[in-house]
C-alpha atoms as a PDB file:
ATOM      1  CA  MET A   1      -5.444 -15.277   5.198  1.00  0.00           C
ATOM      2  CA  SER A   2      -5.138 -18.817   4.042  1.00  0.00           C
ATOM      3  CA  GLU A   3      -5.595 -20.857   0.921  1.00  0.00           C
ATOM      4  CA  ASN A   4      -6.222 -24.599   1.043  1.00  0.00           C
ATOM      5  CA  ASN A   5      -4.772 -26.863  -1.607  1.00  0.00           C
ATOM      6  CA  SER A   6      -5.288 -30.487  -0.563  1.00  0.00           C
ATOM      7  CA  SER A   7      -2.317 -31.860  -2.494  1.00  0.00           C
ATOM      8  CA  LEU A   8       0.166 -29.216  -1.304  1.00  0.00           C
ATOM      9  CA  GLY A   9      -1.135 -28.219   2.126  1.00  0.00           C
ATOM     10  CA  ASN A  10      -2.076 -24.777   3.399  1.00  0.00           C
ATOM     11  CA  ILE A  11      -0.624 -21.425   2.450  1.00  0.00           C
ATOM     12  CA  TYR A  12      -0.850 -18.593   4.973  1.00  0.00           C
ATOM     13  CA  LEU A  13      -0.228 -14.929   4.099  1.00  0.00           C
ATOM     14  CA  SER A  14       0.263 -12.467   6.926  1.00  0.00           C
ATOM     15  CA  HIS A  15      -1.083  -8.928   6.839  1.00  0.00           C
ATOM     16  CA  HIS A  16       2.501  -7.730   7.126  1.00  0.00           C
ATOM     17  CA  ALA A  17       3.532  -9.563   3.940  1.00  0.00           C
ATOM     18  CA  ILE A  18       0.620  -8.096   1.970  1.00  0.00           C
ATOM     19  CA  ALA A  19       1.265  -4.628   3.432  1.00  0.00           C
ATOM     20  CA  THR A  20       4.894  -4.859   2.292  1.00  0.00           C
ATOM     21  CA  ILE A  21       3.752  -5.691  -1.264  1.00  0.00           C
ATOM     22  CA  ILE A  22       1.392  -2.687  -1.170  1.00  0.00           C
ATOM     23  CA  PHE A  23       4.095  -0.395   0.225  1.00  0.00           C
ATOM     24  CA  GLN A  24       6.618  -1.329  -2.474  1.00  0.00           C
ATOM     25  CA  SER A  25       4.010  -1.113  -5.261  1.00  0.00           C
ATOM     26  CA  ALA A  26       2.961   2.359  -4.162  1.00  0.00           C
ATOM     27  CA  LEU A  27       6.550   3.629  -4.005  1.00  0.00           C
ATOM     28  CA  GLU A  28       7.197   2.369  -7.558  1.00  0.00           C
ATOM     29  CA  SER A  29       4.457   4.658  -8.899  1.00  0.00           C
ATOM     30  CA  TYR A  30       5.417   7.943 -10.544  1.00  0.00           C
ATOM     31  CA  GLY A  31       4.837  11.037  -8.423  1.00  0.00           C
ATOM     32  CA  ILE A  32       4.941   9.343  -5.015  1.00  0.00           C
ATOM     33  CA  VAL A  33       7.376  10.821  -2.513  1.00  0.00           C
ATOM     34  CA  GLY A  34       6.405   8.506   0.338  1.00  0.00           C
ATOM     35  CA  LEU A  35       3.624   7.114   2.457  1.00  0.00           C
ATOM     36  CA  ALA A  36       2.136   8.997   5.375  1.00  0.00           C
ATOM     37  CA  ASP A  37       1.578   7.673   8.860  1.00  0.00           C
ATOM     38  CA  ARG A  38      -1.822   7.254  10.467  1.00  0.00           C
ATOM     39  CA  ASN A  39      -0.841   9.361  13.471  1.00  0.00           C
ATOM     40  CA  VAL A  40       2.132  11.001  15.169  1.00  0.00           C
ATOM     41  CA  ILE A  41       2.907   8.102  17.512  1.00  0.00           C
ATOM     42  CA  ARG A  42       2.994   5.713  14.561  1.00  0.00           C
ATOM     43  CA  GLY A  43       5.347   8.134  12.756  1.00  0.00           C
ATOM     44  CA  ILE A  44       7.802   8.139  15.637  1.00  0.00           C
ATOM     45  CA  SER A  45       7.753   4.341  15.841  1.00  0.00           C
ATOM     46  CA  LYS A  46       8.370   4.155  12.074  1.00  0.00           C
ATOM     47  CA  ILE A  47      11.562   6.174  12.475  1.00  0.00           C
ATOM     48  CA  ILE A  48      12.761   3.980  15.353  1.00  0.00           C
ATOM     49  CA  PHE A  49      11.789   0.566  13.958  1.00  0.00           C
ATOM     50  CA  ASN A  50      11.869   1.304  10.175  1.00  0.00           C
ATOM     51  CA  ASP A  51       8.403  -0.211   9.575  1.00  0.00           C
ATOM     52  CA  PRO A  52       7.732  -0.712   5.829  1.00  0.00           C
ATOM     53  CA  THR A  53       3.987  -1.041   6.356  1.00  0.00           C
ATOM     54  CA  SER A  54       3.198   2.446   7.620  1.00  0.00           C
ATOM     55  CA  GLY A  55       0.572   4.234   5.591  1.00  0.00           C
ATOM     56  CA  VAL A  56      -1.100   0.963   4.595  1.00  0.00           C
ATOM     57  CA  LEU A  57      -4.390  -0.308   6.024  1.00  0.00           C
ATOM     58  CA  ILE A  58      -5.728  -3.730   5.026  1.00  0.00           C
ATOM     59  CA  ASN A  59      -9.135  -5.278   5.629  1.00  0.00           C
ATOM     60  CA  PHE A  60      -9.717  -8.893   4.586  1.00  0.00           C
ATOM     61  CA  ASN A  61     -13.441  -9.659   4.296  1.00  0.00           C
ATOM     62  CA  GLY A  62     -13.191 -13.377   3.514  1.00  0.00           C
ATOM     63  CA  ASP A  63     -13.181 -13.298  -0.287  1.00  0.00           C
ATOM     64  CA  SER A  64     -11.237 -10.169  -1.143  1.00  0.00           C
ATOM     65  CA  ILE A  65      -8.990  -7.464   0.239  1.00  0.00           C
ATOM     66  CA  GLU A  66      -9.884  -3.828   0.885  1.00  0.00           C
ATOM     67  CA  ILE A  67      -6.872  -1.499   0.896  1.00  0.00           C
ATOM     68  CA  ASP A  68      -6.403   2.059   2.146  1.00  0.00           C
ATOM     69  CA  ILE A  69      -3.145   3.847   1.298  1.00  0.00           C
ATOM     70  CA  LEU A  70      -2.044   7.183   2.782  1.00  0.00           C
ATOM     71  CA  ILE A  71       0.344   8.838   0.324  1.00  0.00           C
ATOM     72  CA  ILE A  72       2.451  11.960  -0.070  1.00  0.00           C
ATOM     73  CA  ILE A  73       2.645  13.248  -3.651  1.00  0.00           C
ATOM     74  CA  GLU A  74       5.365  15.204  -5.435  1.00  0.00           C
ATOM     75  CA  TYR A  75       4.418  18.879  -5.714  1.00  0.00           C
ATOM     76  CA  GLY A  76       3.627  19.839  -9.305  1.00  0.00           C
ATOM     77  CA  THR A  77       2.248  16.468 -10.420  1.00  0.00           C
ATOM     78  CA  ARG A  78      -1.391  15.892 -11.280  1.00  0.00           C
ATOM     79  CA  ILE A  79      -2.965  14.487  -8.094  1.00  0.00           C
ATOM     80  CA  SER A  80      -5.753  12.560  -9.822  1.00  0.00           C
ATOM     81  CA  SER A  81      -3.366  10.894 -12.271  1.00  0.00           C
ATOM     82  CA  VAL A  82      -0.919   9.878  -9.561  1.00  0.00           C
ATOM     83  CA  SER A  83      -3.740   8.543  -7.365  1.00  0.00           C
ATOM     84  CA  ASN A  84      -5.217   6.484 -10.212  1.00  0.00           C
ATOM     85  CA  SER A  85      -1.781   5.140 -11.102  1.00  0.00           C
ATOM     86  CA  VAL A  86      -1.095   4.099  -7.495  1.00  0.00           C
ATOM     87  CA  SER A  87      -4.496   2.437  -7.211  1.00  0.00           C
ATOM     88  CA  GLN A  88      -4.079   0.425 -10.409  1.00  0.00           C
ATOM     89  CA  ASN A  89      -0.469  -0.553  -9.677  1.00  0.00           C
ATOM     90  CA  VAL A  90      -1.266  -1.715  -6.132  1.00  0.00           C
ATOM     91  CA  ARG A  91      -4.309  -3.709  -7.274  1.00  0.00           C
ATOM     92  CA  PHE A  92      -2.334  -5.400 -10.059  1.00  0.00           C
ATOM     93  CA  GLN A  93       0.690  -6.286  -7.892  1.00  0.00           C
ATOM     94  CA  VAL A  94      -1.340  -7.634  -4.957  1.00  0.00           C
ATOM     95  CA  GLU A  95      -3.562  -9.775  -7.179  1.00  0.00           C
ATOM     96  CA  LYS A  96      -0.550 -11.011  -9.161  1.00  0.00           C
ATOM     97  CA  MET A  97       1.586 -11.911  -6.140  1.00  0.00           C
ATOM     98  CA  THR A  98      -1.075 -13.286  -3.791  1.00  0.00           C
ATOM     99  CA  GLY A  99      -3.847 -14.542  -6.070  1.00  0.00           C
ATOM    100  CA  ILE A 100      -6.425 -12.875  -3.801  1.00  0.00           C
ATOM    101  CA  PRO A 101      -8.813 -10.438  -5.512  1.00  0.00           C
ATOM    102  CA  VAL A 102      -8.742  -6.799  -4.401  1.00  0.00           C
ATOM    103  CA  SER A 103     -12.216  -5.295  -4.069  1.00  0.00           C
ATOM    104  CA  THR A 104     -11.237  -1.673  -3.404  1.00  0.00           C
ATOM    105  CA  VAL A 105      -8.123   0.469  -3.226  1.00  0.00           C
ATOM    106  CA  ASN A 106      -8.756   3.795  -1.498  1.00  0.00           C
ATOM    107  CA  VAL A 107      -5.972   6.341  -1.958  1.00  0.00           C
ATOM    108  CA  HIS A 108      -5.821   9.126   0.634  1.00  0.00           C
ATOM    109  CA  VAL A 109      -3.541  12.047  -0.248  1.00  0.00           C
ATOM    110  CA  ARG A 110      -2.069  13.255   3.046  1.00  0.00           C
ATOM    111  CA  GLY A 111       0.258  15.897   1.653  1.00  0.00           C
ATOM    112  CA  LEU A 112       2.413  17.381  -1.064  1.00  0.00           C
ATOM    113  CA  ARG A 113       6.181  17.634  -0.884  1.00  0.00           C
ATOM    114  CA  VAL A 114       8.834  19.356  -2.967  1.00  0.00           C
ATOM    115  CA  SER A 115      11.583  16.783  -3.338  1.00  0.00           C
ATOM    116  CA  ASN A 116      14.051  18.913  -5.323  1.00  0.00           C
ATOM    117  CA  ALA A 117      14.528  22.550  -4.295  1.00  0.00           C
ATOM    118  CA  ASP A 118      16.181  23.546  -7.600  1.00  0.00           C
END
């Protein structure tokens, strides 16, 4: 993705940079335990390489960004509230940091996890 400013030059944003912003924004939201992987092979590679972009899918359609996030939610929290919070937080942070509008943020709940056994 690039932005052209004739007096300053070109600015290029990689998918990895945007995915990292999305990943961090999602983890800052209340009720999120982590992000899920797309498949088992990807999960194993995440453990080996410590990839911060797992669970994030980005599609750039020329004018805006479409985002899919695969999340794991804390057991006992309201799923709809957590999902809405993640969606709004990710949209706000991506638009604020990149200046590129976000058309959709799709939140896919892949699981529930109890983080504290007490």
